[in-house]
Amino acid sequence: MLLFIEYPQCSTCQKAKKWLTANNISFTDRHIVEENPSLEELREWTQRSGLPLKKFFNTSGMKYRELQLKDKLPSMSEEEQLELLASDGMIVKRPLLIGDDFVVPGFKEKEWVEKLGL
């Protein structure tokens, strides 16, 4: 079963959710602010994704700009970055699509088609 982590007011999340539904893909829904990913989940997901940790930050979000993370992240350790992500769902890139053998931050239809084997 896929885990779809979203912020319901996010237009990209809404588009991704419609896409999953239109393609008859079953998933479990999770609100990123009401149930923020834990430090352990984030550690596992970032490793499983094979992507740089930076890809898990919502770089276009207000929180990201407010906290001036563009300037601060380069000097933070990986552990500090993970702890920051675990502290606030609004900092995490969304939607997140999590399968048994993949984790994809953000919604790019081509990438999702590939990961889901469609």
Protein backbone atom coordinates (compact mmCIF):
# COMPACT_ATOMS: atom_id res chain seq x y z
CA MET A 1 0.00 0.00 0.00
CA LEU A 2 1.29 3.44 -0.93
CA LEU A 3 1.51 6.22 1.61
CA PHE A 4 0.57 9.65 0.27
CA ILE A 5 1.63 12.49 2.54
CA GLU A 6 0.00 15.79 1.71
CA TYR A 7 -0.98 19.24 2.83
CA PRO A 8 -4.63 19.38 1.65
CA GLN A 9 -4.52 23.11 0.79
CA CYS A 10 -1.47 22.60 -1.46
CA SER A 11 -2.48 22.75 -5.15
CA THR A 12 0.30 20.35 -6.18
CA CYS A 13 -0.92 17.85 -3.55
CA GLN A 14 -4.48 18.19 -4.85
CA LYS A 15 -3.30 17.60 -8.42
CA ALA A 16 -1.25 14.56 -7.35
CA LYS A 17 -4.16 13.09 -5.38
CA LYS A 18 -6.49 13.49 -8.39
CA TRP A 19 -3.88 11.81 -10.56
CA LEU A 20 -3.60 8.82 -8.19
CA THR A 21 -7.40 8.49 -8.07
CA ALA A 22 -7.76 8.83 -11.86
CA ASN A 23 -5.20 6.04 -12.30
CA ASN A 24 -7.02 3.78 -9.79
CA ILE A 25 -4.04 3.65 -7.47
CA SER A 26 -4.83 2.77 -3.87
CA PHE A 27 -3.13 4.80 -1.18
CA THR A 28 -3.29 5.78 2.45
CA ASP A 29 -3.61 9.51 3.00
CA ARG A 30 -1.74 11.42 5.72
CA HIS A 31 -1.92 15.12 6.59
CA ILE A 32 1.66 16.38 6.92
CA VAL A 33 0.88 19.02 9.56
CA GLU A 34 -1.45 16.91 11.73
CA GLU A 35 0.97 13.97 11.59
CA ASN A 36 4.41 15.28 10.72
CA PRO A 37 6.95 12.65 9.63
CA SER A 38 9.10 11.52 12.55
CA LEU A 39 12.87 11.77 12.64
CA GLU A 40 13.10 7.99 12.16
CA GLU A 41 10.72 8.03 9.16
CA LEU A 42 12.59 10.90 7.53
CA ARG A 43 15.95 9.21 8.08
CA GLU A 44 14.66 5.99 6.47
CA TRP A 45 12.85 7.75 3.62
CA THR A 46 15.76 9.98 2.64
CA GLN A 47 18.06 6.94 2.54
CA ARG A 48 15.53 4.88 0.56
CA SER A 49 15.01 7.69 -1.95
CA GLY A 50 18.67 7.87 -2.89
CA LEU A 51 18.21 11.64 -3.22
CA PRO A 52 20.17 14.41 -1.50
CA LEU A 53 18.55 15.52 1.76
CA LYS A 54 18.05 18.99 0.25
CA LYS A 55 15.31 17.52 -2.03
CA PHE A 56 13.13 16.95 1.05
CA PHE A 57 12.92 20.65 1.91
CA ASN A 58 9.99 22.74 0.71
CA THR A 59 12.21 25.44 -0.77
CA SER A 60 9.25 27.47 -2.08
CA GLY A 61 7.48 27.57 1.29
CA MET A 62 7.07 30.59 3.53
CA LYS A 63 8.64 28.75 6.50
CA TYR A 64 11.75 27.97 4.44
CA ARG A 65 12.18 31.65 3.60
CA GLU A 66 11.18 32.82 7.08
CA LEU A 67 13.86 30.63 8.67
CA GLN A 68 16.40 31.67 6.00
CA LEU A 69 17.20 28.03 5.35
CA LYS A 70 18.80 28.72 1.97
CA ASP A 71 21.69 30.28 3.88
CA LYS A 72 21.63 28.00 6.94
CA LEU A 73 21.31 24.48 5.45
CA PRO A 74 24.81 24.29 3.91
CA SER A 75 26.42 24.69 7.35
CA MET A 76 24.06 22.26 9.14
CA SER A 77 24.88 18.60 9.67
CA GLU A 78 22.65 15.96 8.11
CA GLU A 79 21.30 15.10 11.56
CA GLU A 80 20.44 18.76 12.25
CA GLN A 81 18.66 18.98 8.91
CA LEU A 82 16.64 15.82 9.64
CA GLU A 83 15.70 17.16 13.08
CA LEU A 84 14.55 20.41 11.48
CA LEU A 85 12.40 18.53 8.95
CA ALA A 86 10.88 16.45 11.76
CA SER A 87 10.03 19.60 13.71
CA ASP A 88 7.56 21.10 11.22
CA GLY A 89 5.61 19.54 8.34
CA MET A 90 5.50 22.87 6.51
CA ILE A 91 9.25 22.63 5.89
CA VAL A 92 8.94 19.20 4.22
CA LYS A 93 8.57 18.97 0.43
CA ARG A 94 5.15 17.66 -0.50
CA PRO A 95 3.47 15.61 -1.57
CA LEU A 96 5.52 12.61 -0.56
CA LEU A 97 4.76 9.29 -2.22
CA ILE A 98 6.15 6.34 -0.29
CA GLY A 99 6.16 2.79 -1.61
CA ASP A 100 7.89 -0.38 -0.49
CA ASP A 101 11.05 0.37 -2.45
CA PHE A 102 10.87 4.07 -3.26
CA VAL A 103 10.21 7.52 -1.84
CA VAL A 104 9.41 10.46 -4.13
CA PRO A 105 9.21 14.04 -2.82
CA GLY A 106 7.10 16.37 -4.96
CA PHE A 107 4.86 15.54 -7.90
CA LYS A 108 6.28 15.02 -11.36
CA GLU A 109 3.91 12.79 -13.31
CA LYS A 110 6.66 11.20 -15.42
CA GLU A 111 8.62 10.23 -12.31
CA TRP A 112 5.53 8.80 -10.59
CA VAL A 113 4.62 6.76 -13.71
CA GLU A 114 8.13 5.33 -13.68
CA LYS A 115 8.20 4.52 -9.95
CA LEU A 116 4.72 2.95 -10.04
CA GLY A 117 5.50 0.92 -13.15
CA LEU A 118 2.55 2.32 -15.14
